[in-house]
PDB file of all heavy atoms in Angstrom:
ATOM      1  N   VAL A   1      -2.567  -5.451 -15.317  1.00  0.00           N
ATOM      2  CA  VAL A   1      -3.408  -4.483 -15.989  1.00  0.00           C
ATOM      3  C   VAL A   1      -2.595  -3.464 -16.787  1.00  0.00           C
ATOM      4  O   VAL A   1      -3.035  -3.022 -17.852  1.00  0.00           O
ATOM      5  CB  VAL A   1      -4.302  -3.749 -14.961  1.00  0.00           C
ATOM      6  CG1 VAL A   1      -5.158  -2.687 -15.611  1.00  0.00           C
ATOM      7  CG2 VAL A   1      -5.166  -4.761 -14.217  1.00  0.00           C
ATOM      8  N   VAL A   2      -1.446  -3.080 -16.278  1.00  0.00           N
ATOM      9  CA  VAL A   2      -0.674  -2.003 -16.909  1.00  0.00           C
ATOM     10  C   VAL A   2       0.620  -2.515 -17.512  1.00  0.00           C
ATOM     11  O   VAL A   2       0.872  -2.356 -18.701  1.00  0.00           O
ATOM     12  CB  VAL A   2      -0.393  -0.867 -15.905  1.00  0.00           C
ATOM     13  CG1 VAL A   2       0.230   0.323 -16.619  1.00  0.00           C
ATOM     14  CG2 VAL A   2      -1.654  -0.443 -15.165  1.00  0.00           C
ATOM     15  N   GLY A   3       1.472  -3.132 -16.688  1.00  0.00           N
ATOM     16  CA  GLY A   3       2.730  -3.616 -17.240  1.00  0.00           C
ATOM     17  C   GLY A   3       3.770  -3.837 -16.161  1.00  0.00           C
ATOM     18  O   GLY A   3       3.582  -3.482 -14.990  1.00  0.00           O
ATOM     19  N   ARG A   4       4.901  -4.397 -16.573  1.00  0.00           N
ATOM     20  CA  ARG A   4       5.943  -4.729 -15.602  1.00  0.00           C
ATOM     21  C   ARG A   4       6.542  -3.498 -14.934  1.00  0.00           C
ATOM     22  O   ARG A   4       6.662  -3.425 -13.715  1.00  0.00           O
ATOM     23  CB  ARG A   4       7.061  -5.514 -16.296  1.00  0.00           C
ATOM     24  CG  ARG A   4       6.647  -6.872 -16.833  1.00  0.00           C
ATOM     25  CD  ARG A   4       7.858  -7.649 -17.328  1.00  0.00           C
ATOM     26  NE  ARG A   4       7.438  -8.890 -17.984  1.00  0.00           N
ATOM     27  CZ  ARG A   4       7.229  -9.028 -19.266  1.00  0.00           C
ATOM     28  NH1 ARG A   4       7.377  -7.989 -20.071  1.00  0.00           N
ATOM     29  NH2 ARG A   4       6.842 -10.186 -19.786  1.00  0.00           N
ATOM     30  N   TRP A   5       6.986  -2.545 -15.730  1.00  0.00           N
ATOM     31  CA  TRP A   5       7.623  -1.371 -15.167  1.00  0.00           C
ATOM     32  C   TRP A   5       6.627  -0.491 -14.424  1.00  0.00           C
ATOM     33  O   TRP A   5       6.975   0.166 -13.429  1.00  0.00           O
ATOM     34  CB  TRP A   5       8.345  -0.572 -16.260  1.00  0.00           C
ATOM     35  CG  TRP A   5       9.592  -1.245 -16.707  1.00  0.00           C
ATOM     36  CD1 TRP A   5       9.787  -1.937 -17.844  1.00  0.00           C
ATOM     37  CD2 TRP A   5      10.810  -1.342 -15.977  1.00  0.00           C
ATOM     38  NE1 TRP A   5      11.054  -2.467 -17.906  1.00  0.00           N
ATOM     39  CE2 TRP A   5      11.724  -2.117 -16.756  1.00  0.00           C
ATOM     40  CE3 TRP A   5      11.239  -0.877 -14.736  1.00  0.00           C
ATOM     41  CZ2 TRP A   5      13.021  -2.398 -16.359  1.00  0.00           C
ATOM     42  CZ3 TRP A   5      12.540  -1.151 -14.325  1.00  0.00           C
ATOM     43  CH2 TRP A   5      13.407  -1.912 -15.120  1.00  0.00           C
ATOM     44  N   ALA A   6       5.390  -0.504 -14.878  1.00  0.00           N
ATOM     45  CA  ALA A   6       4.357   0.192 -14.123  1.00  0.00           C
ATOM     46  C   ALA A   6       4.167  -0.452 -12.742  1.00  0.00           C
ATOM     47  O   ALA A   6       3.926   0.230 -11.743  1.00  0.00           O
ATOM     48  CB  ALA A   6       3.049   0.179 -14.886  1.00  0.00           C
ATOM     49  N   ALA A   7       4.256  -1.782 -12.694  1.00  0.00           N
ATOM     50  CA  ALA A   7       4.158  -2.483 -11.406  1.00  0.00           C
ATOM     51  C   ALA A   7       5.287  -2.082 -10.478  1.00  0.00           C
ATOM     52  O   ALA A   7       5.094  -1.945  -9.275  1.00  0.00           O
ATOM     53  CB  ALA A   7       4.159  -4.000 -11.637  1.00  0.00           C
ATOM     54  N   VAL A   8       6.476  -1.881 -11.040  1.00  0.00           N
ATOM     55  CA  VAL A   8       7.613  -1.431 -10.224  1.00  0.00           C
ATOM     56  C   VAL A   8       7.314  -0.055  -9.630  1.00  0.00           C
ATOM     57  O   VAL A   8       7.501   0.172  -8.428  1.00  0.00           O
ATOM     58  CB  VAL A   8       8.911  -1.381 -11.063  1.00  0.00           C
ATOM     59  CG1 VAL A   8      10.049  -0.780 -10.265  1.00  0.00           C
ATOM     60  CG2 VAL A   8       9.265  -2.789 -11.572  1.00  0.00           C
ATOM     61  N   ALA A   9       6.823   0.857 -10.467  1.00  0.00           N
ATOM     62  CA  ALA A   9       6.533   2.214  -9.986  1.00  0.00           C
ATOM     63  C   ALA A   9       5.423   2.215  -8.939  1.00  0.00           C
ATOM     64  O   ALA A   9       5.539   2.863  -7.898  1.00  0.00           O
ATOM     65  CB  ALA A   9       6.145   3.104 -11.174  1.00  0.00           C
ATOM     66  N   ALA A  10       4.334   1.465  -9.193  1.00  0.00           N
ATOM     67  CA  ALA A  10       3.220   1.441  -8.253  1.00  0.00           C
ATOM     68  C   ALA A  10       3.645   0.822  -6.927  1.00  0.00           C
ATOM     69  O   ALA A  10       3.275   1.310  -5.853  1.00  0.00           O
ATOM     70  CB  ALA A  10       2.062   0.674  -8.862  1.00  0.00           C
ATOM     71  N   THR A  11       4.407  -0.249  -6.992  1.00  0.00           N
ATOM     72  CA  THR A  11       4.864  -0.909  -5.751  1.00  0.00           C
ATOM     73  C   THR A  11       5.775   0.020  -4.969  1.00  0.00           C
ATOM     74  O   THR A  11       5.690   0.088  -3.729  1.00  0.00           O
ATOM     75  CB  THR A  11       5.576  -2.212  -6.085  1.00  0.00           C
ATOM     76  OG1 THR A  11       4.727  -3.037  -6.898  1.00  0.00           O
ATOM     77  CG2 THR A  11       5.963  -2.968  -4.824  1.00  0.00           C
ATOM     78  N   ALA A  12       6.645   0.731  -5.656  1.00  0.00           N
ATOM     79  CA  ALA A  12       7.533   1.678  -4.987  1.00  0.00           C
ATOM     80  C   ALA A  12       6.729   2.801  -4.320  1.00  0.00           C
ATOM     81  O   ALA A  12       7.065   3.230  -3.186  1.00  0.00           O
ATOM     82  CB  ALA A  12       8.539   2.258  -5.972  1.00  0.00           C
ATOM     83  N   LEU A  13       5.676   3.265  -4.968  1.00  0.00           N
ATOM     84  CA  LEU A  13       4.843   4.309  -4.374  1.00  0.00           C
ATOM     85  C   LEU A  13       4.110   3.827  -3.143  1.00  0.00           C
ATOM     86  O   LEU A  13       3.943   4.560  -2.159  1.00  0.00           O
ATOM     87  CB  LEU A  13       3.838   4.838  -5.409  1.00  0.00           C
ATOM     88  CG  LEU A  13       4.451   5.678  -6.557  1.00  0.00           C
ATOM     89  CD1 LEU A  13       3.395   5.978  -7.603  1.00  0.00           C
ATOM     90  CD2 LEU A  13       5.058   6.980  -6.024  1.00  0.00           C
ATOM     91  N   ILE A  14       3.658   2.580  -3.153  1.00  0.00           N
ATOM     92  CA  ILE A  14       3.021   2.012  -1.960  1.00  0.00           C
ATOM     93  C   ILE A  14       4.047   1.842  -0.858  1.00  0.00           C
ATOM     94  O   ILE A  14       3.773   2.113   0.323  1.00  0.00           O
ATOM     95  CB  ILE A  14       2.352   0.655  -2.294  1.00  0.00           C
ATOM     96  CG1 ILE A  14       1.176   0.873  -3.257  1.00  0.00           C
ATOM     97  CG2 ILE A  14       1.868  -0.031  -1.029  1.00  0.00           C
ATOM     98  CD1 ILE A  14       0.049   1.709  -2.683  1.00  0.00           C
ATOM     99  N   ALA A  15       5.231   1.376  -1.217  1.00  0.00           N
ATOM    100  CA  ALA A  15       6.293   1.222  -0.225  1.00  0.00           C
ATOM    101  C   ALA A  15       6.654   2.553   0.425  1.00  0.00           C
ATOM    102  O   ALA A  15       7.083   2.588   1.589  1.00  0.00           O
ATOM    103  CB  ALA A  15       7.537   0.567  -0.866  1.00  0.00           C
ATOM    104  N   ALA A  16       6.511   3.643  -0.331  1.00  0.00           N
ATOM    105  CA  ALA A  16       6.887   4.969   0.156  1.00  0.00           C
ATOM    106  C   ALA A  16       5.663   5.784   0.568  1.00  0.00           C
ATOM    107  O   ALA A  16       5.700   7.014   0.553  1.00  0.00           O
ATOM    108  CB  ALA A  16       7.642   5.714  -0.928  1.00  0.00           C
ATOM    109  N   ALA A  17       4.580   5.122   0.972  1.00  0.00           N
ATOM    110  CA  ALA A  17       3.375   5.824   1.408  1.00  0.00           C
ATOM    111  C   ALA A  17       3.366   5.920   2.932  1.00  0.00           C
ATOM    112  O   ALA A  17       3.226   4.908   3.612  1.00  0.00           O
ATOM    113  CB  ALA A  17       2.134   5.090   0.914  1.00  0.00           C
ATOM    114  N   PRO A  18       3.506   7.122   3.487  1.00  0.00           N
ATOM    115  CA  PRO A  18       3.553   7.257   4.955  1.00  0.00           C
ATOM    116  C   PRO A  18       2.293   6.723   5.643  1.00  0.00           C
ATOM    117  O   PRO A  18       2.399   6.146   6.726  1.00  0.00           O
ATOM    118  CB  PRO A  18       3.700   8.768   5.158  1.00  0.00           C
ATOM    119  CG  PRO A  18       4.258   9.284   3.877  1.00  0.00           C
ATOM    120  CD  PRO A  18       3.712   8.394   2.801  1.00  0.00           C
ATOM    121  N   MET A  19       1.139   6.947   5.049  1.00  0.00           N
ATOM    122  CA  MET A  19      -0.106   6.485   5.684  1.00  0.00           C
ATOM    123  C   MET A  19      -0.126   4.951   5.778  1.00  0.00           C
ATOM    124  O   MET A  19      -0.635   4.380   6.746  1.00  0.00           O
ATOM    125  CB  MET A  19      -1.310   6.993   4.922  1.00  0.00           C
ATOM    126  CG  MET A  19      -2.629   6.902   5.684  1.00  0.00           C
ATOM    127  SD  MET A  19      -2.756   8.052   7.070  1.00  0.00           S
ATOM    128  CE  MET A  19      -3.056   9.599   6.226  1.00  0.00           C
ATOM    129  N   ILE A  20       0.425   4.294   4.762  1.00  0.00           N
ATOM    130  CA  ILE A  20       0.508   2.826   4.795  1.00  0.00           C
ATOM    131  C   ILE A  20       1.393   2.388   5.953  1.00  0.00           C
ATOM    132  O   ILE A  20       1.020   1.505   6.746  1.00  0.00           O
ATOM    133  CB  ILE A  20       1.084   2.313   3.468  1.00  0.00           C
ATOM    134  CG1 ILE A  20       0.148   2.615   2.282  1.00  0.00           C
ATOM    135  CG2 ILE A  20       1.377   0.814   3.544  1.00  0.00           C
ATOM    136  CD1 ILE A  20      -1.118   1.804   2.266  1.00  0.00           C
ATOM    137  N   LEU A  21       2.563   3.008   6.098  1.00  0.00           N
ATOM    138  CA  LEU A  21       3.482   2.653   7.174  1.00  0.00           C
ATOM    139  C   LEU A  21       2.891   2.997   8.544  1.00  0.00           C
ATOM    140  O   LEU A  21       3.086   2.265   9.511  1.00  0.00           O
ATOM    141  CB  LEU A  21       4.812   3.348   6.982  1.00  0.00           C
ATOM    142  CG  LEU A  21       5.680   2.830   5.827  1.00  0.00           C
ATOM    143  CD1 LEU A  21       6.915   3.690   5.667  1.00  0.00           C
ATOM    144  CD2 LEU A  21       6.079   1.382   6.078  1.00  0.00           C
ATOM    145  N   THR A  22       2.169   4.086   8.617  1.00  0.00           N
ATOM    146  CA  THR A  22       1.571   4.462   9.910  1.00  0.00           C
ATOM    147  C   THR A  22       0.631   3.389  10.414  1.00  0.00           C
ATOM    148  O   THR A  22       0.699   2.983  11.589  1.00  0.00           O
ATOM    149  CB  THR A  22       0.822   5.790   9.769  1.00  0.00           C
ATOM    150  OG1 THR A  22       1.744   6.837   9.484  1.00  0.00           O
ATOM    151  CG2 THR A  22       0.070   6.131  11.068  1.00  0.00           C
ATOM    152  N   TYR A  23      -0.231   2.885   9.528  1.00  0.00           N
ATOM    153  CA  TYR A  23      -1.250   1.941   9.985  1.00  0.00           C
ATOM    154  C   TYR A  23      -0.808   0.489   9.922  1.00  0.00           C
ATOM    155  O   TYR A  23      -1.587  -0.399  10.273  1.00  0.00           O
ATOM    156  CB  TYR A  23      -2.567   2.220   9.244  1.00  0.00           C
ATOM    157  CG  TYR A  23      -3.138   3.529   9.773  1.00  0.00           C
ATOM    158  CD1 TYR A  23      -2.981   4.696   9.052  1.00  0.00           C
ATOM    159  CD2 TYR A  23      -3.722   3.565  11.020  1.00  0.00           C
ATOM    160  CE1 TYR A  23      -3.451   5.896   9.559  1.00  0.00           C
ATOM    161  CE2 TYR A  23      -4.167   4.760  11.547  1.00  0.00           C
ATOM    162  CZ  TYR A  23      -4.039   5.921  10.797  1.00  0.00           C
ATOM    163  OH  TYR A  23      -4.481   7.110  11.331  1.00  0.00           O
ATOM    164  N   VAL A  24       0.428   0.260   9.514  1.00  0.00           N
ATOM    165  CA  VAL A  24       1.047  -1.044   9.781  1.00  0.00           C
ATOM    166  C   VAL A  24       1.247  -1.189  11.295  1.00  0.00           C
ATOM    167  O   VAL A  24       1.159  -2.275  11.849  1.00  0.00           O
ATOM    168  CB  VAL A  24       2.410  -1.150   9.046  1.00  0.00           C
ATOM    169  CG1 VAL A  24       3.246  -2.264   9.643  1.00  0.00           C
ATOM    170  CG2 VAL A  24       2.171  -1.440   7.577  1.00  0.00           C
ATOM    171  N   GLY A  25       1.565  -0.058  11.940  1.00  0.00           N
ATOM    172  CA  GLY A  25       1.913  -0.079  13.349  1.00  0.00           C
ATOM    173  C   GLY A  25       0.818   0.417  14.251  1.00  0.00           C
ATOM    174  O   GLY A  25       1.084   0.971  15.317  1.00  0.00           O
ATOM    175  N   GLU A  26      -0.443   0.248  13.869  1.00  0.00           N
ATOM    176  CA  GLU A  26      -1.552   0.666  14.713  1.00  0.00           C
ATOM    177  C   GLU A  26      -2.650  -0.381  14.779  1.00  0.00           C
ATOM    178  O   GLU A  26      -2.894  -1.093  13.809  1.00  0.00           O
ATOM    179  CB  GLU A  26      -2.153   2.005  14.238  1.00  0.00           C
ATOM    180  CG  GLU A  26      -1.253   3.197  14.512  1.00  0.00           C
ATOM    181  CD  GLU A  26      -2.020   4.506  14.534  1.00  0.00           C
ATOM    182  OE1 GLU A  26      -3.267   4.486  14.670  1.00  0.00           O
ATOM    183  OE2 GLU A  26      -1.353   5.546  14.432  1.00  0.00           O
ATOM    184  N   LEU A  27      -3.298  -0.458  15.921  1.00  0.00           N
ATOM    185  CA  LEU A  27      -4.433  -1.336  16.119  1.00  0.00           C
ATOM    186  C   LEU A  27      -5.687  -0.655  15.586  1.00  0.00           C
ATOM    187  O   LEU A  27      -6.526  -0.165  16.303  1.00  0.00           O
ATOM    188  CB  LEU A  27      -4.595  -1.658  17.605  1.00  0.00           C
ATOM    189  CG  LEU A  27      -5.825  -2.485  18.014  1.00  0.00           C
ATOM    190  CD1 LEU A  27      -5.846  -3.819  17.312  1.00  0.00           C
ATOM    191  CD2 LEU A  27      -5.888  -2.633  19.527  1.00  0.00           C
ATOM    192  N   LYS A  28      -5.770  -0.549  14.269  1.00  0.00           N
ATOM    193  CA  LYS A  28      -6.921   0.023  13.588  1.00  0.00           C
ATOM    194  C   LYS A  28      -7.217  -0.858  12.374  1.00  0.00           C
ATOM    195  O   LYS A  28      -6.368  -1.604  11.898  1.00  0.00           O
ATOM    196  CB  LYS A  28      -6.659   1.463  13.151  1.00  0.00           C
ATOM    197  CG  LYS A  28      -6.325   2.405  14.283  1.00  0.00           C
ATOM    198  CD  LYS A  28      -7.517   2.624  15.231  1.00  0.00           C
ATOM    199  CE  LYS A  28      -8.539   3.541  14.617  1.00  0.00           C
ATOM    200  NZ  LYS A  28      -9.620   3.875  15.575  1.00  0.00           N
ATOM    201  N   GLN A  29      -8.443  -0.702  11.855  1.00  0.00           N
ATOM    202  CA  GLN A  29      -8.885  -1.587  10.781  1.00  0.00           C
ATOM    203  C   GLN A  29      -8.469  -1.140   9.383  1.00  0.00           C
ATOM    204  O   GLN A  29      -8.759  -1.834   8.400  1.00  0.00           O
ATOM    205  CB  GLN A  29     -10.428  -1.675  10.812  1.00  0.00           C
ATOM    206  CG  GLN A  29     -11.168  -0.394  10.447  1.00  0.00           C
ATOM    207  CD  GLN A  29     -11.488   0.478  11.648  1.00  0.00           C
ATOM    208  OE1 GLN A  29     -10.763   0.458  12.638  1.00  0.00           O
ATOM    209  NE2 GLN A  29     -12.589   1.202  11.564  1.00  0.00           N
ATOM    210  N   TYR A  30      -7.802  -0.001   9.267  1.00  0.00           N
ATOM    211  CA  TYR A  30      -7.562   0.575   7.951  1.00  0.00           C
ATOM    212  C   TYR A  30      -6.683  -0.300   7.055  1.00  0.00           C
ATOM    213  O   TYR A  30      -6.850  -0.317   5.844  1.00  0.00           O
ATOM    214  CB  TYR A  30      -6.949   1.952   8.103  1.00  0.00           C
ATOM    215  CG  TYR A  30      -7.765   2.890   8.963  1.00  0.00           C
ATOM    216  CD1 TYR A  30      -7.222   3.506  10.072  1.00  0.00           C
ATOM    217  CD2 TYR A  30      -9.107   3.097   8.682  1.00  0.00           C
ATOM    218  CE1 TYR A  30      -7.985   4.338  10.885  1.00  0.00           C
ATOM    219  CE2 TYR A  30      -9.892   3.928   9.488  1.00  0.00           C
ATOM    220  CZ  TYR A  30      -9.323   4.534  10.592  1.00  0.00           C
ATOM    221  OH  TYR A  30     -10.090   5.344  11.401  1.00  0.00           O
ATOM    222  N   ALA A  31      -5.732  -1.020   7.621  1.00  0.00           N
ATOM    223  CA  ALA A  31      -4.877  -1.884   6.810  1.00  0.00           C
ATOM    224  C   ALA A  31      -5.658  -3.023   6.205  1.00  0.00           C
ATOM    225  O   ALA A  31      -5.538  -3.342   5.009  1.00  0.00           O
ATOM    226  CB  ALA A  31      -3.712  -2.422   7.662  1.00  0.00           C
ATOM    227  N   VAL A  32      -6.473  -3.683   7.035  1.00  0.00           N
ATOM    228  CA  VAL A  32      -7.277  -4.803   6.533  1.00  0.00           C
ATOM    229  C   VAL A  32      -8.291  -4.307   5.509  1.00  0.00           C
ATOM    230  O   VAL A  32      -8.537  -4.964   4.482  1.00  0.00           O
ATOM    231  CB  VAL A  32      -7.975  -5.512   7.710  1.00  0.00           C
ATOM    232  CG1 VAL A  32      -8.967  -6.550   7.202  1.00  0.00           C
ATOM    233  CG2 VAL A  32      -6.952  -6.154   8.615  1.00  0.00           C
ATOM    234  N   GLU A  33      -8.889  -3.145   5.739  1.00  0.00           N
ATOM    235  CA  GLU A  33      -9.840  -2.583   4.771  1.00  0.00           C
ATOM    236  C   GLU A  33      -9.175  -2.309   3.441  1.00  0.00           C
ATOM    237  O   GLU A  33      -9.772  -2.550   2.382  1.00  0.00           O
ATOM    238  CB  GLU A  33     -10.464  -1.320   5.344  1.00  0.00           C
ATOM    239  CG  GLU A  33     -11.455  -1.585   6.469  1.00  0.00           C
ATOM    240  CD  GLU A  33     -12.170  -0.330   6.926  1.00  0.00           C
ATOM    241  OE1 GLU A  33     -11.606   0.773   6.779  1.00  0.00           O
ATOM    242  OE2 GLU A  33     -13.307  -0.448   7.423  1.00  0.00           O
ATOM    243  N   SER A  34      -7.953  -1.801   3.472  1.00  0.00           N
ATOM    244  CA  SER A  34      -7.231  -1.513   2.230  1.00  0.00           C
ATOM    245  C   SER A  34      -6.972  -2.792   1.441  1.00  0.00           C
ATOM    246  O   SER A  34      -7.115  -2.814   0.209  1.00  0.00           O
ATOM    247  CB  SER A  34      -5.906  -0.811   2.555  1.00  0.00           C
ATOM    248  OG  SER A  34      -6.121   0.411   3.229  1.00  0.00           O
ATOM    249  N   ALA A  35      -6.571  -3.862   2.152  1.00  0.00           N
ATOM    250  CA  ALA A  35      -6.316  -5.121   1.470  1.00  0.00           C
ATOM    251  C   ALA A  35      -7.594  -5.740   0.925  1.00  0.00           C
ATOM    252  O   ALA A  35      -7.625  -6.240  -0.215  1.00  0.00           O
ATOM    253  CB  ALA A  35      -5.635  -6.092   2.434  1.00  0.00           C
ATOM    254  N   VAL A  36      -8.661  -5.683   1.682  1.00  0.00           N
ATOM    255  CA  VAL A  36      -9.929  -6.286   1.247  1.00  0.00           C
ATOM    256  C   VAL A  36     -10.472  -5.553   0.014  1.00  0.00           C
ATOM    257  O   VAL A  36     -11.004  -6.197  -0.898  1.00  0.00           O
ATOM    258  CB  VAL A  36     -10.954  -6.260   2.392  1.00  0.00           C
ATOM    259  CG1 VAL A  36     -12.337  -6.661   1.887  1.00  0.00           C
ATOM    260  CG2 VAL A  36     -10.512  -7.213   3.503  1.00  0.00           C
ATOM    261  N   ALA A  37     -10.326  -4.242  -0.042  1.00  0.00           N
ATOM    262  CA  ALA A  37     -10.805  -3.489  -1.214  1.00  0.00           C
ATOM    263  C   ALA A  37     -10.125  -3.971  -2.480  1.00  0.00           C
ATOM    264  O   ALA A  37     -10.772  -4.202  -3.509  1.00  0.00           O
ATOM    265  CB  ALA A  37     -10.573  -2.002  -1.007  1.00  0.00           C
TER     266      ALA A  37
END
């Protein structure tokens, strides 16, 4: 949708998202809901 370098920036921001990392390590539905959206 945006571009190659934009994909790099967006991916880096997701990689550096504390809430993402928190719910990788929890038995909660938030990770699956994020992917499904």
